[in-house]
N, C-alpha and C. Protein backbone atom coordinates (compact mmCIF):
# COMPACT_ATOMS: atom_id res chain seq x y z
N MET A 1 12.71 19.80 -2.00
CA MET A 1 12.35 18.28 -1.21
C MET A 1 13.44 18.04 -0.28
N ASN A 2 13.36 17.42 0.29
CA ASN A 2 14.33 16.47 0.90
C ASN A 2 14.12 14.83 0.95
N LEU A 3 14.28 14.51 -0.20
CA LEU A 3 14.00 12.94 -0.44
C LEU A 3 14.79 12.10 0.23
N ASP A 4 15.91 12.57 0.59
CA ASP A 4 16.75 11.81 1.50
C ASP A 4 16.62 11.01 2.53
N GLN A 5 15.92 12.16 3.14
CA GLN A 5 14.99 12.38 4.82
C GLN A 5 13.85 11.87 5.24
N TRP A 6 12.98 11.69 3.68
CA TRP A 6 11.99 10.99 3.52
C TRP A 6 11.96 9.42 3.30
N ALA A 7 13.04 9.27 2.46
CA ALA A 7 13.51 7.87 2.38
C ALA A 7 13.76 7.17 3.74
N GLN A 8 14.53 8.21 4.81
CA GLN A 8 15.19 7.34 5.48
C GLN A 8 13.95 7.08 6.43
N ASP A 9 12.92 8.12 6.53
CA ASP A 9 11.58 8.30 6.93
C ASP A 9 10.52 6.54 6.89
N LEU A 10 11.04 5.98 5.72
CA LEU A 10 10.05 5.39 4.94
C LEU A 10 10.72 4.11 5.58
N ARG A 11 12.53 3.64 5.40
CA ARG A 11 13.06 3.07 5.37
C ARG A 11 12.74 2.48 6.78
N SER A 12 12.64 3.48 7.63
CA SER A 12 12.86 3.12 8.99
C SER A 12 11.07 2.14 9.59
N ILE A 13 9.94 2.79 8.59
CA ILE A 13 8.90 1.78 8.97
C ILE A 13 8.65 0.37 8.23
N VAL A 14 9.54 0.39 7.02
CA VAL A 14 9.98 -0.90 6.50
C VAL A 14 10.56 -1.89 7.59
N ASP A 15 11.59 -1.43 7.89
CA ASP A 15 12.57 -2.31 8.90
C ASP A 15 11.65 -2.66 10.04
N GLU A 16 10.73 -1.67 10.33
CA GLU A 16 9.93 -2.23 11.57
C GLU A 16 9.15 -3.07 11.04
N TRP A 17 8.24 -3.38 9.55
CA TRP A 17 7.42 -4.46 9.51
C TRP A 17 8.35 -5.89 9.37
N ILE A 18 9.32 -5.59 8.52
CA ILE A 18 10.15 -6.73 8.59
C ILE A 18 10.48 -7.48 9.81
N SER A 19 11.01 -6.55 10.98
CA SER A 19 11.84 -7.18 12.13
C SER A 19 10.48 -7.87 12.74
N GLN A 20 9.00 -7.70 12.68
CA GLN A 20 7.96 -7.72 13.02
C GLN A 20 7.20 -9.13 12.51
N ALA A 21 7.78 -9.60 11.62
CA ALA A 21 7.48 -10.92 11.03
C ALA A 21 6.10 -10.98 11.34
N VAL A 22 5.12 -10.24 10.60
CA VAL A 22 3.72 -10.18 10.63
C VAL A 22 3.57 -10.75 9.10
N LEU A 23 4.28 -10.75 7.88
CA LEU A 23 4.19 -10.46 6.56
C LEU A 23 4.53 -11.70 6.12
N SER A 24 3.63 -12.62 5.28
CA SER A 24 4.13 -13.86 4.75
C SER A 24 4.53 -13.79 3.35
N GLU A 25 5.16 -14.43 2.79
CA GLU A 25 5.17 -14.72 1.38
C GLU A 25 4.03 -14.84 0.96
N GLY A 26 3.74 -14.21 -0.48
CA GLY A 26 2.38 -14.15 -1.26
C GLY A 26 1.39 -13.09 -0.42
N ASP A 27 1.21 -12.48 0.61
CA ASP A 27 0.33 -12.00 1.03
C ASP A 27 0.29 -10.49 0.30
N LEU A 28 -0.71 -10.07 0.14
CA LEU A 28 -1.27 -8.68 -0.77
C LEU A 28 -1.01 -7.93 0.53
N PHE A 29 -0.12 -7.18 -0.36
CA PHE A 29 0.40 -5.62 0.52
C PHE A 29 -0.26 -4.32 0.04
N ILE A 30 -1.06 -3.70 0.24
CA ILE A 30 -1.97 -2.19 -0.13
C ILE A 30 -0.86 -1.20 0.07
N VAL A 31 -0.75 -0.63 -0.99
CA VAL A 31 -0.25 0.61 -0.63
C VAL A 31 -0.80 2.29 -0.86
N GLY A 32 -1.11 2.86 -0.11
CA GLY A 32 -1.95 4.43 -0.59
C GLY A 32 -1.07 5.14 -0.45
N CYS A 33 -0.78 5.90 -1.08
CA CYS A 33 0.51 7.25 -1.05
C CYS A 33 -0.12 8.20 -1.84
N SER A 34 -0.03 9.34 -1.12
CA SER A 34 -0.24 10.74 -1.77
C SER A 34 1.15 11.47 -1.71
N THR A 35 1.55 11.18 -2.51
CA THR A 35 2.78 12.30 -2.76
C THR A 35 2.53 13.65 -2.54
N SER A 36 1.88 13.97 -2.76
CA SER A 36 1.50 15.40 -2.59
C SER A 36 1.55 15.89 -1.12
N GLU A 37 1.22 14.92 0.17
CA GLU A 37 1.32 14.84 1.25
C GLU A 37 2.51 14.77 2.02
N VAL A 38 3.03 13.68 1.22
CA VAL A 38 4.36 13.55 1.55
C VAL A 38 5.32 14.98 1.61
N ALA A 39 5.20 15.88 0.26
CA ALA A 39 5.98 17.01 0.16
C ALA A 39 5.04 18.15 0.95
N GLY A 40 4.26 17.53 1.85
CA GLY A 40 3.63 18.96 2.40
C GLY A 40 2.66 19.82 1.69
N GLU A 41 2.21 19.25 0.85
CA GLU A 41 0.74 20.05 0.05
C GLU A 41 -0.38 18.63 0.25
N ARG A 42 -1.59 19.82 0.05
CA ARG A 42 -2.83 19.14 0.33
C ARG A 42 -2.84 17.92 -1.02
N ILE A 43 -3.23 16.80 -0.50
CA ILE A 43 -3.60 15.64 -0.99
C ILE A 43 -4.27 16.08 -2.53
N GLY A 44 -3.68 15.29 -3.86
CA GLY A 44 -4.46 15.81 -4.95
C GLY A 44 -3.35 17.01 -5.58
N THR A 45 -2.98 17.67 -5.24
CA THR A 45 -2.75 19.28 -5.69
C THR A 45 -1.03 19.20 -6.18
N ALA A 46 0.18 18.45 -5.79
CA ALA A 46 0.99 18.52 -5.85
C ALA A 46 1.81 17.22 -6.58
N GLY A 47 1.30 15.95 -7.27
CA GLY A 47 1.66 14.89 -7.64
C GLY A 47 3.22 14.95 -8.06
N SER A 48 3.96 14.00 -7.32
CA SER A 48 5.36 13.94 -7.92
C SER A 48 6.01 13.10 -8.13
N GLU A 49 6.55 12.41 -9.04
CA GLU A 49 7.17 11.18 -9.41
C GLU A 49 8.23 11.02 -8.97
N GLU A 50 9.13 11.58 -8.31
CA GLU A 50 10.33 11.84 -7.49
C GLU A 50 10.00 11.15 -6.33
N VAL A 51 8.77 11.24 -5.84
CA VAL A 51 8.52 11.25 -4.27
C VAL A 51 8.05 9.71 -4.62
N ALA A 52 7.31 9.43 -5.66
CA ALA A 52 6.68 8.36 -6.08
C ALA A 52 7.90 7.03 -5.96
N ALA A 53 8.67 7.46 -7.16
CA ALA A 53 9.70 6.81 -7.09
C ALA A 53 10.72 6.46 -5.89
N MET A 54 10.55 7.51 -5.16
CA MET A 54 11.76 7.02 -3.78
C MET A 54 10.56 5.98 -3.04
N VAL A 55 9.45 6.25 -2.92
CA VAL A 55 8.30 5.17 -2.04
C VAL A 55 8.06 3.78 -2.73
N PHE A 56 8.58 3.61 -4.13
CA PHE A 56 8.84 2.71 -4.67
C PHE A 56 9.99 1.66 -4.67
N GLN A 57 10.72 2.10 -4.59
CA GLN A 57 12.12 1.37 -4.28
C GLN A 57 12.18 1.38 -2.93
N GLU A 58 11.80 1.87 -1.66
CA GLU A 58 11.74 1.50 -0.42
C GLU A 58 10.46 0.25 -0.20
N LEU A 59 9.43 0.38 -1.14
CA LEU A 59 8.81 -0.51 -0.75
C LEU A 59 9.27 -1.98 -1.75
N ILE A 60 9.75 -1.61 -2.86
CA ILE A 60 10.41 -3.17 -3.15
C ILE A 60 11.50 -3.97 -2.52
N ARG A 61 12.02 -3.00 -1.53
CA ARG A 61 12.60 -3.81 -0.53
C ARG A 61 12.08 -4.12 0.46
N LEU A 62 10.64 -4.04 0.99
CA LEU A 62 9.82 -4.48 1.74
C LEU A 62 9.71 -6.06 1.03
N GLN A 63 9.26 -6.04 -0.22
CA GLN A 63 8.53 -7.02 -1.03
C GLN A 63 9.97 -8.02 -1.06
N GLU A 64 10.86 -7.55 -1.52
CA GLU A 64 11.98 -8.60 -1.36
C GLU A 64 12.36 -9.48 -0.34
N LYS A 65 12.21 -8.67 0.72
CA LYS A 65 12.52 -9.10 2.39
C LYS A 65 11.28 -10.28 2.70
N THR A 66 10.22 -9.60 2.25
CA THR A 66 9.10 -10.36 2.55
C THR A 66 8.49 -11.80 1.78
N GLY A 67 8.63 -11.18 0.75
CA GLY A 67 7.94 -11.72 -0.39
C GLY A 67 6.13 -11.39 -0.93
N VAL A 68 6.28 -10.12 -0.21
CA VAL A 68 4.76 -9.78 -0.14
C VAL A 68 4.22 -9.53 -1.62
N SER A 69 3.31 -9.60 -2.26
CA SER A 69 3.02 -8.81 -3.49
C SER A 69 2.16 -7.42 -3.48
N LEU A 70 3.16 -6.24 -3.61
CA LEU A 70 2.69 -5.12 -3.58
C LEU A 70 1.55 -4.46 -4.52
N CYS A 71 0.50 -4.09 -4.13
CA CYS A 71 -0.41 -3.44 -4.73
C CYS A 71 -1.01 -2.25 -4.26
N PHE A 72 -0.74 -1.32 -5.37
CA PHE A 72 -0.42 -0.15 -5.61
C PHE A 72 -2.45 1.14 -5.62
N GLN A 73 -2.63 1.59 -4.61
CA GLN A 73 -3.84 1.96 -4.79
C GLN A 73 -4.18 3.46 -5.60
N CYS A 74 -4.92 3.55 -6.75
CA CYS A 74 -4.96 5.00 -6.78
C CYS A 74 -5.93 5.73 -6.42
N CYS A 75 -6.08 7.02 -6.70
CA CYS A 75 -7.05 7.72 -5.78
C CYS A 75 -8.44 7.96 -6.25
N GLU A 76 -9.14 8.63 -6.16
CA GLU A 76 -10.34 8.80 -5.83
C GLU A 76 -10.85 9.20 -7.17
N HIS A 77 -10.37 9.92 -8.41
CA HIS A 77 -10.72 9.85 -9.89
C HIS A 77 -10.92 8.58 -10.45
N LEU A 78 -10.11 7.24 -9.96
CA LEU A 78 -10.34 5.85 -10.62
C LEU A 78 -11.16 5.37 -9.52
N ASN A 79 -11.60 5.42 -8.73
CA ASN A 79 -12.16 4.89 -7.22
C ASN A 79 -11.37 3.91 -7.15
N ARG A 80 -10.62 4.22 -6.36
CA ARG A 80 -9.75 3.79 -5.87
C ARG A 80 -9.11 2.28 -6.56
N ALA A 81 -9.43 2.42 -7.30
CA ALA A 81 -9.12 1.32 -8.24
C ALA A 81 -7.53 0.81 -7.88
N VAL A 82 -6.67 -0.75 -7.74
CA VAL A 82 -5.77 -0.94 -7.48
C VAL A 82 -4.70 -1.05 -8.85
N VAL A 83 -3.64 -1.24 -8.78
CA VAL A 83 -2.36 -1.66 -9.72
C VAL A 83 -1.68 -2.89 -9.14
N ILE A 84 -1.67 -3.72 -9.86
CA ILE A 84 -1.01 -5.32 -9.14
C ILE A 84 -0.10 -5.63 -10.59
N GLU A 85 0.38 -6.96 -10.32
CA GLU A 85 0.95 -7.60 -11.27
C GLU A 85 0.14 -8.19 -11.91
N LYS A 86 0.16 -8.51 -13.60
CA LYS A 86 -0.94 -9.42 -14.08
C LYS A 86 -1.14 -10.87 -13.32
N PRO A 87 0.20 -11.87 -12.89
CA PRO A 87 -0.33 -13.09 -12.34
C PRO A 87 -1.05 -13.15 -11.26
N LEU A 88 -1.28 -11.68 -10.28
CA LEU A 88 -2.20 -11.91 -9.23
C LEU A 88 -4.02 -11.94 -9.24
N LEU A 89 -4.06 -11.70 -10.96
CA LEU A 89 -5.52 -11.94 -11.20
C LEU A 89 -6.13 -13.28 -11.20
N LYS A 90 -5.83 -14.24 -11.43
CA LYS A 90 -6.16 -15.56 -11.73
C LYS A 90 -5.76 -16.17 -10.15
N GLU A 91 -4.65 -15.75 -9.55
CA GLU A 91 -4.01 -16.29 -8.47
C GLU A 91 -5.27 -15.73 -7.16
N HIS A 92 -5.79 -14.71 -7.61
CA HIS A 92 -6.94 -14.01 -6.45
C HIS A 92 -8.29 -14.09 -6.85
N GLN A 93 -8.51 -14.63 -8.42
CA GLN A 93 -9.64 -14.40 -8.81
C GLN A 93 -10.34 -13.23 -8.58
N LEU A 94 -9.64 -12.58 -9.35
CA LEU A 94 -9.54 -10.40 -9.77
C LEU A 94 -9.95 -10.27 -11.05
N THR A 95 -10.65 -9.17 -11.03
CA THR A 95 -11.46 -8.78 -12.26
C THR A 95 -10.53 -7.52 -12.90
N GLN A 96 -9.93 -7.48 -14.06
CA GLN A 96 -8.76 -6.39 -14.55
C GLN A 96 -10.56 -5.43 -14.71
N VAL A 97 -9.97 -4.00 -14.88
CA VAL A 97 -10.53 -2.79 -15.15
C VAL A 97 -9.73 -2.38 -16.19
N ALA A 98 -10.24 -1.71 -17.21
CA ALA A 98 -9.52 -1.34 -18.65
C ALA A 98 -9.59 0.11 -18.27
N VAL A 99 -8.62 0.56 -17.51
CA VAL A 99 -8.06 2.07 -17.27
C VAL A 99 -6.46 1.78 -17.25
N ARG A 100 -6.17 3.15 -17.01
CA ARG A 100 -4.56 3.64 -16.92
C ARG A 100 -4.68 4.73 -15.85
N PRO A 101 -3.17 4.37 -14.84
CA PRO A 101 -3.51 5.43 -13.98
C PRO A 101 -2.51 6.49 -14.73
N VAL A 102 -2.90 7.90 -14.48
CA VAL A 102 -1.71 8.82 -14.85
C VAL A 102 -1.71 9.84 -13.31
N ARG A 103 -0.85 10.64 -13.93
CA ARG A 103 -0.82 11.46 -12.38
C ARG A 103 -1.93 12.36 -12.25
N LYS A 104 -2.63 12.79 -13.23
CA LYS A 104 -4.25 13.52 -12.72
C LYS A 104 -5.08 12.74 -12.71
N ALA A 105 -5.13 11.51 -12.72
CA ALA A 105 -6.34 10.69 -12.64
C ALA A 105 -6.09 9.20 -12.49
N GLY A 106 -5.56 8.87 -11.00
CA GLY A 106 -4.96 7.80 -10.62
C GLY A 106 -3.86 8.54 -9.44
N GLY A 107 -3.19 9.38 -9.90
CA GLY A 107 -1.87 9.48 -9.16
C GLY A 107 -0.92 9.37 -9.20
N ALA A 108 0.38 9.97 -8.57
CA ALA A 108 1.52 9.87 -8.96
C ALA A 108 2.15 8.72 -8.78
N MET A 109 1.80 8.10 -7.70
CA MET A 109 1.99 6.77 -7.22
C MET A 109 1.47 5.96 -7.81
N ALA A 110 0.20 5.72 -8.31
CA ALA A 110 -0.01 4.72 -8.76
C ALA A 110 0.35 4.35 -10.18
N SER A 111 0.73 5.68 -11.25
CA SER A 111 1.14 5.68 -12.07
C SER A 111 2.63 5.60 -12.44
N TYR A 112 3.36 5.93 -11.33
CA TYR A 112 4.53 5.52 -11.42
C TYR A 112 4.77 3.87 -11.33
N ALA A 113 4.15 3.17 -10.31
CA ALA A 113 3.83 1.60 -10.16
C ALA A 113 3.42 0.78 -11.24
N PHE A 114 2.50 1.51 -11.86
CA PHE A 114 1.91 1.03 -13.43
C PHE A 114 3.41 0.55 -14.24
N ASP A 115 4.01 2.23 -14.10
CA ASP A 115 4.97 2.12 -15.28
C ASP A 115 6.20 1.32 -14.81
N HIS A 116 6.41 0.91 -13.76
CA HIS A 116 7.59 0.28 -13.46
C HIS A 116 7.35 -1.22 -12.57
N MET A 117 5.82 -1.55 -12.63
CA MET A 117 5.82 -3.02 -12.18
C MET A 117 6.14 -4.03 -13.76
N LYS A 118 6.14 -5.09 -13.34
CA LYS A 118 6.21 -6.19 -14.29
C LYS A 118 4.72 -6.48 -14.96
N ASP A 119 4.54 -6.38 -16.06
CA ASP A 119 3.09 -7.02 -16.73
C ASP A 119 1.91 -6.15 -15.87
N ALA A 120 1.86 -4.76 -15.16
CA ALA A 120 0.76 -3.95 -14.67
C ALA A 120 -0.45 -4.21 -15.28
N VAL A 121 -1.35 -4.29 -14.21
CA VAL A 121 -2.99 -4.50 -14.73
C VAL A 121 -3.32 -3.31 -13.47
N LEU A 122 -4.94 -3.03 -13.58
CA LEU A 122 -5.53 -2.49 -13.21
C LEU A 122 -6.76 -3.30 -12.49
N VAL A 123 -6.95 -3.39 -11.40
CA VAL A 123 -8.44 -4.30 -10.71
C VAL A 123 -9.22 -3.04 -9.64
N GLU A 124 -10.72 -3.69 -9.54
CA GLU A 124 -11.25 -2.82 -9.43
C GLU A 124 -11.28 -2.67 -7.88
N SER A 125 -10.94 -4.05 -7.19
CA SER A 125 -10.67 -3.97 -5.80
C SER A 125 -10.27 -5.19 -5.12
N LEU A 126 -9.69 -5.47 -4.04
CA LEU A 126 -9.34 -6.63 -3.86
C LEU A 126 -9.09 -6.64 -2.55
N GLN A 127 -8.63 -7.74 -1.77
CA GLN A 127 -8.96 -7.77 -0.28
C GLN A 127 -7.17 -8.41 0.23
N ALA A 128 -6.76 -7.17 0.60
CA ALA A 128 -5.24 -7.11 1.23
C ALA A 128 -5.06 -8.06 2.39
N ASP A 129 -3.94 -8.18 2.93
CA ASP A 129 -3.40 -8.91 4.49
C ASP A 129 -3.24 -7.81 5.06
N ALA A 130 -2.12 -6.73 4.33
CA ALA A 130 -1.88 -5.84 5.42
C ALA A 130 -1.36 -4.52 4.22
N GLY A 131 -1.36 -3.58 5.01
CA GLY A 131 -0.56 -1.87 4.25
C GLY A 131 -0.08 -0.76 4.81
N ILE A 132 -0.07 -0.06 3.85
CA ILE A 132 0.46 0.93 4.51
C ILE A 132 0.05 2.19 3.57
N ASP A 133 -0.84 3.72 4.44
CA ASP A 133 -1.38 4.60 3.85
C ASP A 133 -0.35 5.55 4.48
N ILE A 134 0.13 6.32 3.45
CA ILE A 134 0.72 7.49 3.82
C ILE A 134 0.22 8.82 3.09
N GLY A 135 -0.25 9.53 4.19
CA GLY A 135 -1.34 10.43 3.70
C GLY A 135 -2.62 10.08 3.86
N GLU A 136 -3.36 9.58 4.58
CA GLU A 136 -4.42 9.44 4.64
C GLU A 136 -5.42 9.17 3.31
N THR A 137 -5.02 8.49 2.54
CA THR A 137 -5.39 7.78 1.43
C THR A 137 -6.55 7.05 1.20
N MET A 138 -6.82 6.54 2.31
CA MET A 138 -8.13 5.53 2.92
C MET A 138 -7.91 4.01 2.43
N ILE A 139 -7.03 3.52 2.83
CA ILE A 139 -6.93 2.20 2.05
C ILE A 139 -7.71 1.01 2.49
N GLY A 140 -8.37 1.39 3.63
CA GLY A 140 -9.30 0.51 4.02
C GLY A 140 -9.90 -0.38 3.90
N MET A 141 -10.66 0.07 2.45
CA MET A 141 -11.34 -0.56 1.64
C MET A 141 -10.78 -1.60 1.12
N HIS A 142 -9.65 -2.05 1.07
CA HIS A 142 -8.56 -3.02 0.47
C HIS A 142 -8.25 -3.59 1.38
N LEU A 143 -8.79 -3.88 2.81
CA LEU A 143 -8.13 -4.66 3.15
C LEU A 143 -9.12 -5.67 4.11
N LYS A 144 -8.70 -6.56 4.42
CA LYS A 144 -9.79 -7.54 4.66
C LYS A 144 -10.36 -7.55 5.67
N SER A 145 -11.69 -7.92 6.12
CA SER A 145 -12.49 -7.00 7.38
C SER A 145 -11.88 -7.10 8.63
N VAL A 146 -10.87 -7.48 8.92
CA VAL A 146 -10.68 -7.46 10.45
C VAL A 146 -9.36 -6.96 10.65
N ALA A 147 -9.08 -5.64 10.44
CA ALA A 147 -7.74 -4.62 10.03
C ALA A 147 -7.26 -4.72 11.64
N VAL A 148 -5.73 -4.97 11.86
CA VAL A 148 -5.45 -4.68 13.21
C VAL A 148 -4.20 -3.41 13.12
N PRO A 149 -4.90 -2.62 13.90
CA PRO A 149 -3.67 -0.95 13.38
C PRO A 149 -2.46 -1.43 14.21
N LEU A 150 -0.99 -0.85 13.65
CA LEU A 150 0.32 -1.09 13.71
C LEU A 150 0.85 0.03 14.30
N ARG A 151 1.21 0.15 15.60
CA ARG A 151 1.88 1.35 15.92
C ARG A 151 3.51 1.34 15.37
N MET A 152 3.56 2.34 14.21
CA MET A 152 5.11 1.95 14.45
C MET A 152 5.63 2.93 14.93
N GLU A 153 7.25 3.26 15.44
CA GLU A 153 7.92 4.09 15.98
C GLU A 153 7.81 5.29 15.30
N LYS A 154 8.42 5.16 13.92
CA LYS A 154 8.53 6.76 12.78
C LYS A 154 6.73 6.76 12.33
N ARG A 155 5.99 7.89 12.60
CA ARG A 155 4.53 8.28 12.38
C ARG A 155 4.50 8.81 10.86
N TYR A 156 5.81 9.49 10.44
CA TYR A 156 5.53 10.10 8.87
C TYR A 156 6.95 9.58 8.40
N VAL A 157 6.09 9.91 6.77
CA VAL A 157 7.06 9.92 5.63
C VAL A 157 6.80 11.33 4.91
N GLY A 158 7.79 12.30 5.02
CA GLY A 158 7.76 13.84 4.81
C GLY A 158 6.76 14.25 5.79
N HIS A 159 5.61 14.66 5.06
CA HIS A 159 4.78 15.45 5.80
C HIS A 159 3.56 14.80 5.91
N ALA A 160 3.93 13.54 5.32
CA ALA A 160 2.55 12.47 5.74
C ALA A 160 2.28 11.78 7.05
N ARG A 161 1.42 12.07 7.41
CA ARG A 161 0.81 10.53 7.95
C ARG A 161 0.70 9.34 7.99
N THR A 162 1.55 8.43 8.40
CA THR A 162 0.97 6.87 7.73
C THR A 162 0.24 6.31 8.93
N THR A 163 -0.53 5.12 8.34
CA THR A 163 -1.32 4.37 9.04
C THR A 163 -0.93 3.08 8.61
N ASN A 164 -0.42 2.01 9.30
CA ASN A 164 0.07 0.74 9.10
C ASN A 164 -1.07 -0.03 9.89
N ALA A 165 -1.58 -1.33 9.17
CA ALA A 165 -2.44 -2.48 9.46
C ALA A 165 -2.17 -3.58 8.83
N ARG A 166 -2.19 -4.40 9.80
CA ARG A 166 -2.43 -5.95 9.09
C ARG A 166 -3.73 -6.47 9.59
N THR A 167 -3.82 -7.72 8.93
CA THR A 167 -5.04 -8.38 9.08
C THR A 167 -5.33 -9.50 10.14
N ARG A 168 -6.01 -9.87 10.50
CA ARG A 168 -6.52 -11.28 11.03
C ARG A 168 -7.63 -12.01 10.98
N PRO A 169 -7.80 -13.44 11.14
CA PRO A 169 -8.98 -13.98 10.66
C PRO A 169 -10.21 -13.63 11.58
N LYS A 170 -11.47 -13.74 11.59
CA LYS A 170 -12.30 -13.04 12.35
C LYS A 170 -12.46 -14.31 13.63
N LEU A 171 -12.61 -13.65 14.49
CA LEU A 171 -13.24 -14.97 15.80
C LEU A 171 -14.64 -14.86 15.77
N ILE A 172 -14.69 -16.28 15.83
CA ILE A 172 -16.49 -16.73 15.63
C ILE A 172 -16.17 -17.91 16.58
N GLY A 173 -17.42 -17.65 17.14
CA GLY A 173 -18.19 -18.77 18.07
C GLY A 173 -18.43 -18.56 19.50
N GLY A 174 -18.13 -17.63 20.00
CA GLY A 174 -18.87 -17.19 21.14
C GLY A 174 -17.57 -17.63 22.29
N PRO A 175 -18.40 -18.12 23.53
CA PRO A 175 -17.48 -17.97 24.94
C PRO A 175 -17.13 -19.42 24.75
N ARG A 176 -17.71 -20.21 24.29
CA ARG A 176 -17.58 -21.58 24.01
C ARG A 176 -16.08 -21.93 22.95
N ALA A 177 -15.86 -21.20 22.31
CA ALA A 177 -14.85 -21.30 21.35
C ALA A 177 -12.83 -21.58 21.92
N VAL A 178 -12.79 -22.31 21.28
CA VAL A 178 -11.26 -22.23 21.48
C VAL A 178 -10.69 -21.48 20.12
N TYR A 179 -9.72 -20.39 20.31
CA TYR A 179 -9.03 -20.10 19.38
C TYR A 179 -7.81 -20.33 19.24
N LEU A 180 -6.96 -20.11 17.94
CA LEU A 180 -5.56 -20.34 17.45
C LEU A 180 -4.98 -18.92 18.04
N ASP A 181 -3.70 -19.47 18.35
CA ASP A 181 -2.87 -18.13 19.14
C ASP A 181 -2.39 -17.51 17.33
């Protein structure tokens, strides 16, 4: 494993998120991450706490610089439930589910986040304002309805392809509507 290089890959992506200034304090930022894919293995086959720790630390920096709330998506074995900090439940009117992610059911990333976030809980779903998908984990179900892909200069973390997106309000009203910038 080349954790230092992979951390540098993700740091570059985080720096680009910060410099684009598209995130606001309190935004929900969904993270999907296959630690297996980062390490060059097939998704769900080689979960790594070391890779999860590296990803978590780099994304904490994003949280500290932008004020976003990090949300970590579980794998398909937990129906892609999401790890959040408990205060977000009431703030966003979310419903908690009674499960705890582990490496083999939820994934190494979600399990690590659950163990290292303050007062972590799981919710079945949410509608995030932006997010990063590391290793094609399908975060789209947790993004608001108009997702805008961001083309980052760095497209991989380790061996895993990344997809980044922010959301925008829907444009409604047709040809006579006047839209906000």
